[in-house]
């Protein structure tokens, strides 16, 4: 495959494109553009898959049913496909949520779609489906769809706007060549995603085993938190900790300052499972000093109090001395409880189940400090705690490495899209 730099461009409403490319409306390259049912169907346990915007992930084979698996009866499906019948080779486009996200249908099984998805039936003599999927998911193209969508807080892409959307098209042969290049990167990204998913499943199974059955035990006992090894204890969190407190609860906005003369200030959006994301918020040093109770130390555990309650991470050494807002802070007693072990436990299915028993929120989950202090925690011998924590932390590092690699590959692909989908770099075709 030979690449060359294009030098001959023409101006169009969507920017410069090669002179031999054509600018066409989607309505001109599609035999039909419609959307899914506007009526919420009656869901059943088993039947015909019913897809919404959450089910489509571009460039991934099939559809994502991991969290949003819904079905309708065959009778209702037969009624819906009279107007909108998705088939292999068609393209789905999200009209709301992440507007413009597109997915080429690459499966043969039957399904119906909700109103949040538009269905594009292509004229195969004018456009390659895989090429249009790439082009529609290209950020500048998605931005044009979003800009053309009416609404202020909640935008919705209309069928009329989709029909009028202008797309630059090279010849069919060049479309295929571009797809071939981008498809290779997509394949590597997809394999990396599969590794991440497989490793996450492995960790989930190991957590369930290690945090309830331990390592090498043969005798077990029943406790308020379930079956655990006979040699383990169960203590309230406050009994196994030097301190369990909460970050600053008063408004801190008036004390925000720059990174040069401030102290890092962490909020709920910085806390992920077993990972503290960097913050771009800093507070004045005098504010930090006035709130010594919430000044962080290495290996303190930060836990979400509202929303996804229980999600926890360790404070790394680089952020010792920082402060935080409305986060639960646990400083374990190192003679009783390994902080890494506790963090893994709080993020496990077992730990979350215990925490949600203490949910005091109505519309949004909330965990009171006093309730958090009293939650029961399994206490294995310290050496076993450390071994369990090291096993799970090793898997976390593997997952984190693969996620960074996936991000790197996605940046590479974005760079290729910027070159190939604008015609700046051409693929020579015979």
Protein backbone atom coordinates (compact mmCIF):
# COMPACT_ATOMS: atom_id res chain seq x y z
CA UNK A 1 0.00 0.00 0.00
CA UNK A 2 1.46 3.36 -1.10
CA UNK A 3 0.74 6.68 0.60
CA UNK A 4 1.35 10.15 -0.76
CA UNK A 5 0.77 13.73 0.35
CA UNK A 6 -2.07 15.57 -1.38
CA UNK A 7 -1.38 19.13 -2.59
CA UNK A 8 -4.43 19.91 -4.75
CA UNK A 9 -7.45 20.92 -2.65
CA UNK A 10 -10.74 22.75 -3.07
CA UNK A 11 -12.74 24.77 -0.55
CA UNK A 12 -16.08 23.33 0.60
CA UNK A 13 -18.60 24.09 3.37
CA UNK A 14 -16.86 21.43 5.50
CA UNK A 15 -13.32 22.66 4.80
CA UNK A 16 -10.63 21.79 2.27
CA UNK A 17 -10.89 18.42 0.53
CA UNK A 18 -9.01 16.91 -2.42
CA UNK A 19 -10.25 18.20 -5.79
CA UNK A 20 -11.25 14.72 -6.97
CA UNK A 21 -13.38 14.01 -3.87
CA UNK A 22 -17.13 14.71 -3.90
CA UNK A 23 -19.18 16.40 -1.18
CA UNK A 24 -22.51 14.59 -0.82
CA UNK A 25 -25.44 14.77 1.57
CA UNK A 26 -26.19 11.64 3.56
CA UNK A 27 -29.68 11.69 2.10
CA UNK A 28 -28.14 11.26 -1.36
CA UNK A 29 -26.07 8.17 -0.46
CA UNK A 30 -28.81 6.45 1.56
CA UNK A 31 -31.81 4.62 0.17
CA UNK A 32 -33.68 5.30 3.43
CA UNK A 33 -33.12 7.15 6.72
CA UNK A 34 -35.55 6.56 9.55
CA UNK A 35 -35.54 6.01 13.32
CA UNK A 36 -36.79 3.47 15.84
CA UNK A 37 -40.12 3.28 17.59
CA UNK A 38 -41.32 6.36 19.48
CA UNK A 39 -43.40 4.14 21.74
CA UNK A 40 -41.83 2.45 24.76
CA UNK A 41 -42.44 -1.27 24.24
CA UNK A 42 -43.32 -3.86 26.84
CA UNK A 43 -40.15 -5.70 27.82
CA UNK A 44 -40.00 -9.48 28.31
CA UNK A 45 -37.40 -11.82 29.81
CA UNK A 46 -36.65 -13.55 26.50
CA UNK A 47 -37.45 -12.54 22.96
CA UNK A 48 -36.13 -10.25 20.23
CA UNK A 49 -33.27 -7.90 21.26
CA UNK A 50 -34.32 -4.27 21.57
CA UNK A 51 -31.45 -1.79 21.20
CA UNK A 52 -31.01 1.77 22.41
CA UNK A 53 -28.06 4.18 22.27
CA UNK A 54 -26.32 2.44 25.21
CA UNK A 55 -25.94 -0.77 23.20
CA UNK A 56 -23.88 0.61 20.32
CA UNK A 57 -20.09 0.86 20.46
CA UNK A 58 -18.39 1.87 17.20
CA UNK A 59 -15.94 -0.59 15.60
CA UNK A 60 -16.77 -3.34 18.11
CA UNK A 61 -18.17 -6.58 16.73
CA UNK A 62 -21.82 -7.10 17.62
CA UNK A 63 -23.56 -5.04 20.28
CA UNK A 64 -22.87 -4.33 23.93
CA UNK A 65 -25.45 -6.13 26.10
CA UNK A 66 -23.32 -6.05 29.27
CA UNK A 67 -25.63 -3.67 31.14
CA UNK A 68 -28.55 -2.84 28.86
CA UNK A 69 -30.01 -6.18 27.81
CA UNK A 70 -33.67 -5.76 26.84
CA UNK A 71 -36.07 -7.88 24.81
CA UNK A 72 -39.52 -7.54 23.23
CA UNK A 73 -42.02 -10.10 21.95
CA UNK A 74 -41.87 -11.35 18.37
CA UNK A 75 -45.34 -9.93 17.78
CA UNK A 76 -44.23 -6.44 18.77
CA UNK A 77 -41.00 -6.82 16.75
CA UNK A 78 -42.97 -7.80 13.62
CA UNK A 79 -45.03 -4.65 14.02
CA UNK A 80 -42.00 -2.39 14.49
CA UNK A 81 -40.01 -3.65 11.49
CA UNK A 82 -42.80 -2.70 9.12
CA UNK A 83 -41.43 0.84 9.48
CA UNK A 84 -37.83 0.29 10.56
CA UNK A 85 -36.07 -3.01 9.83
CA UNK A 86 -32.37 -3.08 10.80
CA UNK A 87 -30.29 -5.41 8.62
CA UNK A 88 -26.63 -6.33 8.25
CA UNK A 89 -24.79 -3.57 6.36
CA UNK A 90 -27.04 -0.77 7.66
CA UNK A 91 -25.69 1.92 9.99
CA UNK A 92 -27.12 3.02 13.33
CA UNK A 93 -26.58 6.61 14.50
CA UNK A 94 -27.34 7.90 17.99
CA UNK A 95 -29.74 10.86 17.98
CA UNK A 96 -29.30 11.69 21.66
CA UNK A 97 -26.76 11.15 24.44
CA UNK A 98 -23.44 11.03 22.56
CA UNK A 99 -24.93 12.52 19.40
CA UNK A 100 -23.68 11.11 16.10
CA UNK A 101 -22.04 7.96 17.42
CA UNK A 102 -22.33 5.48 14.55
CA UNK A 103 -22.24 1.69 14.36
CA UNK A 104 -22.22 -0.52 11.27
CA UNK A 105 -24.53 -3.52 11.77
CA UNK A 106 -22.28 -6.59 11.45
CA UNK A 107 -24.65 -9.29 12.71
CA UNK A 108 -27.41 -11.28 11.01
CA UNK A 109 -29.79 -11.75 13.94
CA UNK A 110 -33.08 -9.89 14.26
CA UNK A 111 -33.52 -6.88 16.52
CA UNK A 112 -35.53 -3.66 16.82
CA UNK A 113 -34.44 -0.18 17.86
CA UNK A 114 -35.72 2.66 20.02
CA UNK A 115 -36.32 6.24 18.86
CA UNK A 116 -32.89 7.35 20.12
CA UNK A 117 -31.29 5.53 17.17
CA UNK A 118 -31.52 6.44 13.49
CA UNK A 119 -31.19 3.75 10.82
CA UNK A 120 -29.34 4.43 7.57
CA UNK A 121 -29.85 2.04 4.64
CA UNK A 122 -27.00 2.70 2.23
CA UNK A 123 -26.75 2.82 -1.55
CA UNK A 124 -23.95 0.28 -1.86
CA UNK A 125 -22.87 1.60 -5.28
CA UNK A 126 -22.05 4.99 -3.71
CA UNK A 127 -20.61 4.29 -0.29
CA UNK A 128 -18.75 1.58 1.63
CA UNK A 129 -20.46 1.00 5.00
CA UNK A 130 -17.19 0.67 6.93
CA UNK A 131 -15.95 3.96 5.44
CA UNK A 132 -19.11 5.84 6.42
CA UNK A 133 -18.90 4.40 9.94
CA UNK A 134 -15.36 5.79 10.25
CA UNK A 135 -16.37 9.16 8.82
CA UNK A 136 -19.45 9.58 11.02
CA UNK A 137 -17.39 8.77 14.14
CA UNK A 138 -14.68 11.26 13.14
CA UNK A 139 -14.84 14.07 15.73
CA UNK A 140 -15.33 17.02 13.32
CA UNK A 141 -18.23 15.17 11.68
CA UNK A 142 -19.84 14.30 15.01
CA UNK A 143 -19.44 17.92 16.11
CA UNK A 144 -21.31 19.11 13.01
CA UNK A 145 -24.15 16.73 13.88
CA UNK A 146 -24.23 18.01 17.44
CA UNK A 147 -24.24 21.65 16.34
CA UNK A 148 -27.15 20.97 13.99
CA UNK A 149 -29.20 19.34 16.79
CA UNK A 150 -31.94 21.50 18.35
CA UNK A 151 -32.22 21.83 22.13
CA UNK A 152 -30.23 23.56 24.85
CA UNK A 153 -29.62 21.20 27.79
CA UNK A 154 -30.71 17.99 26.04
CA UNK A 155 -30.02 18.00 22.32
CA UNK A 156 -31.64 15.59 19.86
CA UNK A 157 -30.44 14.95 16.33
CA UNK A 158 -33.29 15.03 13.81
CA UNK A 159 -33.74 12.82 10.76
CA UNK A 160 -33.82 15.97 8.64
CA UNK A 161 -30.41 17.07 10.01
CA UNK A 162 -28.97 13.62 9.26
CA UNK A 163 -30.26 13.77 5.68
CA UNK A 164 -28.68 17.21 5.15
CA UNK A 165 -25.30 16.31 6.68
CA UNK A 166 -22.55 16.79 4.08
CA UNK A 167 -19.77 14.20 3.89
CA UNK A 168 -16.64 14.22 1.66
CA UNK A 169 -16.36 11.01 -0.37
CA UNK A 170 -13.37 9.65 -2.30
CA UNK A 171 -13.87 6.90 -4.89
CA UNK A 172 -15.13 3.50 -3.73
CA UNK A 173 -11.64 2.06 -4.25
CA UNK A 174 -10.05 4.70 -2.03
CA UNK A 175 -12.81 4.27 0.55
CA UNK A 176 -11.90 0.57 0.75
CA UNK A 177 -8.20 1.38 1.05
CA UNK A 178 -8.81 3.89 3.88
CA UNK A 179 -10.96 1.33 5.67
CA UNK A 180 -8.16 -1.21 5.33
CA UNK A 181 -5.67 1.08 7.09
CA UNK A 182 -8.00 2.22 9.88
CA UNK A 183 -9.37 -1.30 10.28
CA UNK A 184 -5.93 -2.64 11.23
CA UNK A 185 -5.70 -0.15 14.10
CA UNK A 186 -9.30 -0.88 15.12
CA UNK A 187 -8.45 -4.57 15.27
CA UNK A 188 -5.51 -3.97 17.63
CA UNK A 189 -7.62 -1.63 19.78
CA UNK A 190 -10.38 -4.25 19.95
CA UNK A 191 -7.92 -6.98 21.00
CA UNK A 192 -6.54 -4.71 23.72
CA UNK A 193 -10.09 -4.10 24.90
CA UNK A 194 -10.67 -7.86 25.03
CA UNK A 195 -7.55 -8.28 27.17
CA UNK A 196 -8.82 -5.59 29.55
CA UNK A 197 -12.26 -7.21 29.81
CA UNK A 198 -10.76 -10.67 30.35
CA UNK A 199 -8.39 -9.38 33.05
CA UNK A 200 -11.21 -7.52 34.78
CA UNK A 201 -13.28 -10.72 34.83
CA UNK A 202 -10.30 -12.58 36.26
CA UNK A 203 -9.89 -10.01 39.00
CA UNK A 204 -13.59 -10.09 39.85
CA UNK A 205 -13.45 -13.86 40.35
CA UNK A 206 -10.24 -13.67 42.36
CA UNK A 207 -11.67 -10.95 44.60
CA UNK A 208 -14.68 -13.07 45.40
CA UNK A 209 -12.44 -16.02 46.28
CA UNK A 210 -9.61 -14.26 48.11
CA UNK A 211 -11.81 -11.87 50.13
CA UNK A 212 -14.20 -14.58 51.34
CA UNK A 213 -12.21 -17.86 51.26
CA UNK A 214 -8.67 -16.57 51.81
CA UNK A 215 -5.53 -18.51 50.90
CA UNK A 216 -5.11 -22.17 51.85
CA UNK A 217 -7.93 -22.42 54.42
CA UNK A 218 -9.99 -25.55 55.04
CA UNK A 219 -12.20 -24.51 57.95
CA UNK A 220 -14.76 -21.71 57.77
CA UNK A 221 -17.34 -19.98 59.94
CA UNK A 222 -20.49 -17.93 59.50
CA UNK A 223 -20.29 -14.22 60.39
CA UNK A 224 -22.43 -11.10 59.86
CA UNK A 225 -20.57 -10.56 56.57
CA UNK A 226 -20.93 -14.15 55.38
CA UNK A 227 -18.68 -17.21 55.36
CA UNK A 228 -15.01 -16.51 56.08
CA UNK A 229 -12.00 -18.60 57.19
CA UNK A 230 -12.14 -19.71 60.81
CA UNK A 231 -8.92 -17.86 61.70
CA UNK A 232 -10.17 -14.50 60.42
CA UNK A 233 -11.78 -11.90 62.64
CA UNK A 234 -14.52 -9.37 61.93
CA UNK A 235 -14.14 -5.84 63.31
CA UNK A 236 -15.88 -2.53 62.81
CA UNK A 237 -13.88 -0.23 60.56
CA UNK A 238 -13.27 2.24 63.40
CA UNK A 239 -11.85 -0.57 65.55
CA UNK A 240 -9.21 -1.39 62.94
CA UNK A 241 -8.33 2.23 62.17
CA UNK A 242 -6.47 5.11 63.79
CA UNK A 243 -9.03 7.54 62.39
CA UNK A 244 -12.11 7.54 60.16
CA UNK A 245 -13.16 11.08 59.28
CA UNK A 246 -14.39 13.25 56.42
CA UNK A 247 -12.90 15.96 54.21
CA UNK A 248 -13.89 19.62 54.18
CA UNK A 249 -17.67 20.04 53.95
CA UNK A 250 -17.78 23.86 53.82
CA UNK A 251 -17.51 25.68 50.46
CA UNK A 252 -13.91 25.94 49.32
CA UNK A 253 -14.42 27.83 46.05
CA UNK A 254 -13.40 31.25 47.49
CA UNK A 255 -10.03 29.72 48.42
CA UNK A 256 -9.17 28.24 45.02
CA UNK A 257 -5.79 29.30 43.65
CA UNK A 258 -3.16 28.27 41.12
CA UNK A 259 -1.00 25.16 41.21
CA UNK A 260 2.10 27.28 41.76
CA UNK A 261 1.14 28.54 45.22
CA UNK A 262 -1.64 26.14 46.24
CA UNK A 263 -2.28 22.67 47.69
CA UNK A 264 -3.95 19.89 45.62
CA UNK A 265 -7.65 19.60 46.49
CA UNK A 266 -9.41 16.34 45.65
CA UNK A 267 -13.12 15.89 45.05
CA UNK A 268 -15.41 12.96 44.27
CA UNK A 269 -14.63 13.09 40.53
CA UNK A 270 -10.99 12.27 41.30
CA UNK A 271 -11.78 8.99 43.09
CA UNK A 272 -11.87 5.81 40.99
CA UNK A 273 -11.64 2.18 42.06
CA UNK A 274 -8.09 1.72 43.38
CA UNK A 275 -6.93 4.88 41.57
CA UNK A 276 -6.75 8.57 42.47
CA UNK A 277 -7.00 10.75 39.38
CA UNK A 278 -4.91 13.97 39.30
CA UNK A 279 -6.76 17.14 40.27
CA UNK A 280 -6.77 20.52 38.55
CA UNK A 281 -8.12 22.25 41.67
CA UNK A 282 -5.83 23.83 44.27
CA UNK A 283 -6.60 25.69 47.52
CA UNK A 284 -4.65 28.34 49.39
CA UNK A 285 -2.20 27.06 51.99
CA UNK A 286 -3.90 28.93 54.84
CA UNK A 287 -7.17 27.15 53.97
CA UNK A 288 -5.37 23.81 54.03
CA UNK A 289 -3.82 24.59 57.42
CA UNK A 290 -7.20 25.57 58.88
CA UNK A 291 -8.51 22.07 58.10
CA UNK A 292 -5.83 19.75 59.56
CA UNK A 293 -8.31 16.90 60.10
CA UNK A 294 -8.61 16.39 56.35
CA UNK A 295 -4.95 16.82 55.39
CA UNK A 296 -4.03 13.59 53.64
CA UNK A 297 -1.20 11.18 54.35
CA UNK A 298 0.25 8.43 52.18
CA UNK A 299 -1.92 5.26 52.20
CA UNK A 300 -4.98 7.05 53.55
CA UNK A 301 -8.08 5.62 51.88
CA UNK A 302 -10.53 8.00 50.19
CA UNK A 303 -14.10 6.72 49.82
CA UNK A 304 -17.05 8.24 47.98
CA UNK A 305 -19.81 9.32 50.36
CA UNK A 306 -22.40 10.23 47.73
CA UNK A 307 -23.39 8.68 44.40
CA UNK A 308 -21.28 5.56 43.84
CA UNK A 309 -20.85 5.12 47.58
CA UNK A 310 -17.98 2.92 48.70
CA UNK A 311 -15.73 3.42 45.67
CA UNK A 312 -12.28 3.82 47.20
CA UNK A 313 -8.64 4.53 46.40
CA UNK A 314 -5.32 4.96 48.20
CA UNK A 315 -3.53 8.29 48.52
CA UNK A 316 -0.08 7.93 46.86
CA UNK A 317 3.01 9.47 48.44
CA UNK A 318 3.09 12.31 45.89
CA UNK A 319 -0.18 13.72 47.29
CA UNK A 320 0.73 13.60 50.97
CA UNK A 321 -0.25 16.96 52.49
CA UNK A 322 -3.13 17.54 50.05
CA UNK A 323 -6.72 18.12 51.14
CA UNK A 324 -10.11 16.90 49.99
CA UNK A 325 -13.78 17.84 49.86
CA UNK A 326 -16.58 15.67 51.30
CA UNK A 327 -14.67 12.42 50.94
CA UNK A 328 -14.54 9.79 53.67
CA UNK A 329 -10.97 9.37 54.92
CA UNK A 330 -9.72 6.19 56.60
CA UNK A 331 -6.30 5.92 58.23
CA UNK A 332 -5.88 2.27 59.18
CA UNK A 333 -4.01 0.89 62.16
CA UNK A 334 -1.04 -0.78 60.39
CA UNK A 335 -0.79 -3.36 63.18
CA UNK A 336 -4.33 -4.54 62.42
CA UNK A 337 -5.38 -3.63 58.89
CA UNK A 338 -3.37 -3.33 55.66
CA UNK A 339 -4.65 -0.23 53.76
CA UNK A 340 -4.30 -1.92 50.35
CA UNK A 341 -6.33 -4.89 51.59
CA UNK A 342 -9.05 -2.58 52.92
CA UNK A 343 -9.19 -0.63 49.66
CA UNK A 344 -9.60 -3.83 47.64
CA UNK A 345 -12.30 -5.04 50.03
CA UNK A 346 -14.31 -1.80 49.82
CA UNK A 347 -14.23 -2.00 46.02
CA UNK A 348 -15.26 -5.67 45.92
CA UNK A 349 -18.80 -6.96 45.39
CA UNK A 350 -18.80 -8.19 49.00
CA UNK A 351 -17.72 -4.79 50.33
CA UNK A 352 -20.20 -2.87 48.20
CA UNK A 353 -23.04 -5.10 49.36
CA UNK A 354 -22.19 -4.32 52.99
CA UNK A 355 -21.87 -0.59 52.30
CA UNK A 356 -25.21 -0.37 50.48
CA UNK A 357 -26.95 -1.76 53.55
CA UNK A 358 -26.12 1.61 55.11
CA UNK A 359 -27.35 3.75 52.22
CA UNK A 360 -29.26 6.67 53.76
CA UNK A 361 -30.05 8.48 50.52
CA UNK A 362 -33.43 8.61 48.83
CA UNK A 363 -32.98 9.85 45.28
CA UNK A 364 -29.17 9.56 45.37
CA UNK A 365 -27.14 7.11 47.43
CA UNK A 366 -25.45 8.62 50.51
CA UNK A 367 -23.26 7.11 53.22
CA UNK A 368 -23.17 8.77 56.64
CA UNK A 369 -19.79 9.00 58.37
CA UNK A 370 -21.13 7.34 61.53
CA UNK A 371 -22.51 4.41 59.54
CA UNK A 372 -19.26 4.05 57.59
CA UNK A 373 -17.28 3.85 60.82
CA UNK A 374 -19.38 0.89 61.94
CA UNK A 375 -19.29 -1.27 58.81
CA UNK A 376 -17.90 -4.77 59.50
CA UNK A 377 -14.55 -5.63 57.90
CA UNK A 378 -12.91 -9.07 57.61
CA UNK A 379 -9.51 -9.12 59.31
CA UNK A 380 -7.18 -11.92 58.14
CA UNK A 381 -3.68 -12.22 59.63
CA UNK A 382 -1.53 -9.29 58.42
CA UNK A 383 0.71 -11.46 56.21
CA UNK A 384 -2.32 -12.91 54.45
CA UNK A 385 -3.80 -9.42 54.03
CA UNK A 386 -0.58 -8.30 52.37
CA UNK A 387 -0.45 -11.32 50.05
CA UNK A 388 -4.07 -10.85 48.97
CA UNK A 389 -3.50 -7.13 48.41
CA UNK A 390 -0.36 -7.78 46.33
CA UNK A 391 -2.13 -10.34 44.11
CA UNK A 392 -5.02 -7.98 43.38
CA UNK A 393 -2.75 -4.95 42.99
CA UNK A 394 -0.66 -6.82 40.40
CA UNK A 395 -3.80 -7.42 38.35
CA UNK A 396 -4.75 -3.74 38.76
CA UNK A 397 -1.37 -2.75 37.32
CA UNK A 398 -1.93 -5.07 34.35
CA UNK A 399 -5.37 -3.54 33.70
CA UNK A 400 -3.97 -0.02 34.04
CA UNK A 401 -1.13 -0.80 31.60
CA UNK A 402 -3.54 -2.19 29.01
CA UNK A 403 -5.85 0.83 29.38
CA UNK A 404 -2.93 3.19 28.78
CA UNK A 405 -1.93 1.14 25.74
CA UNK A 406 -5.51 1.33 24.42
CA UNK A 407 -5.48 5.11 24.92
CA UNK A 408 -2.17 5.33 23.03
CA UNK A 409 -3.57 3.31 20.13
CA UNK A 410 -6.69 5.47 20.05
CA UNK A 411 -4.49 8.58 19.77
CA UNK A 412 -2.63 6.95 16.87
CA UNK A 413 -5.92 6.19 15.17
CA UNK A 414 -7.19 9.74 15.69
CA UNK A 415 -4.03 11.02 14.00
CA UNK A 416 -4.58 8.67 11.06
CA UNK A 417 -8.21 9.78 10.77
CA UNK A 418 -7.08 13.43 10.69
CA UNK A 419 -4.86 12.61 7.72
CA UNK A 420 -6.86 10.01 5.76
CA UNK A 421 -10.44 11.27 6.21
CA UNK A 422 -9.48 14.79 5.12
CA UNK A 423 -7.39 13.63 2.18
CA UNK A 424 -4.20 15.27 3.45
CA UNK A 425 -2.56 11.90 3.02
CA UNK A 426 -3.88 9.74 0.21
CA UNK A 427 -3.78 6.00 -0.35
CA UNK A 428 -2.72 5.19 -3.90
CA UNK A 429 -5.21 2.90 -5.64
CA UNK A 430 -4.97 1.35 -9.10
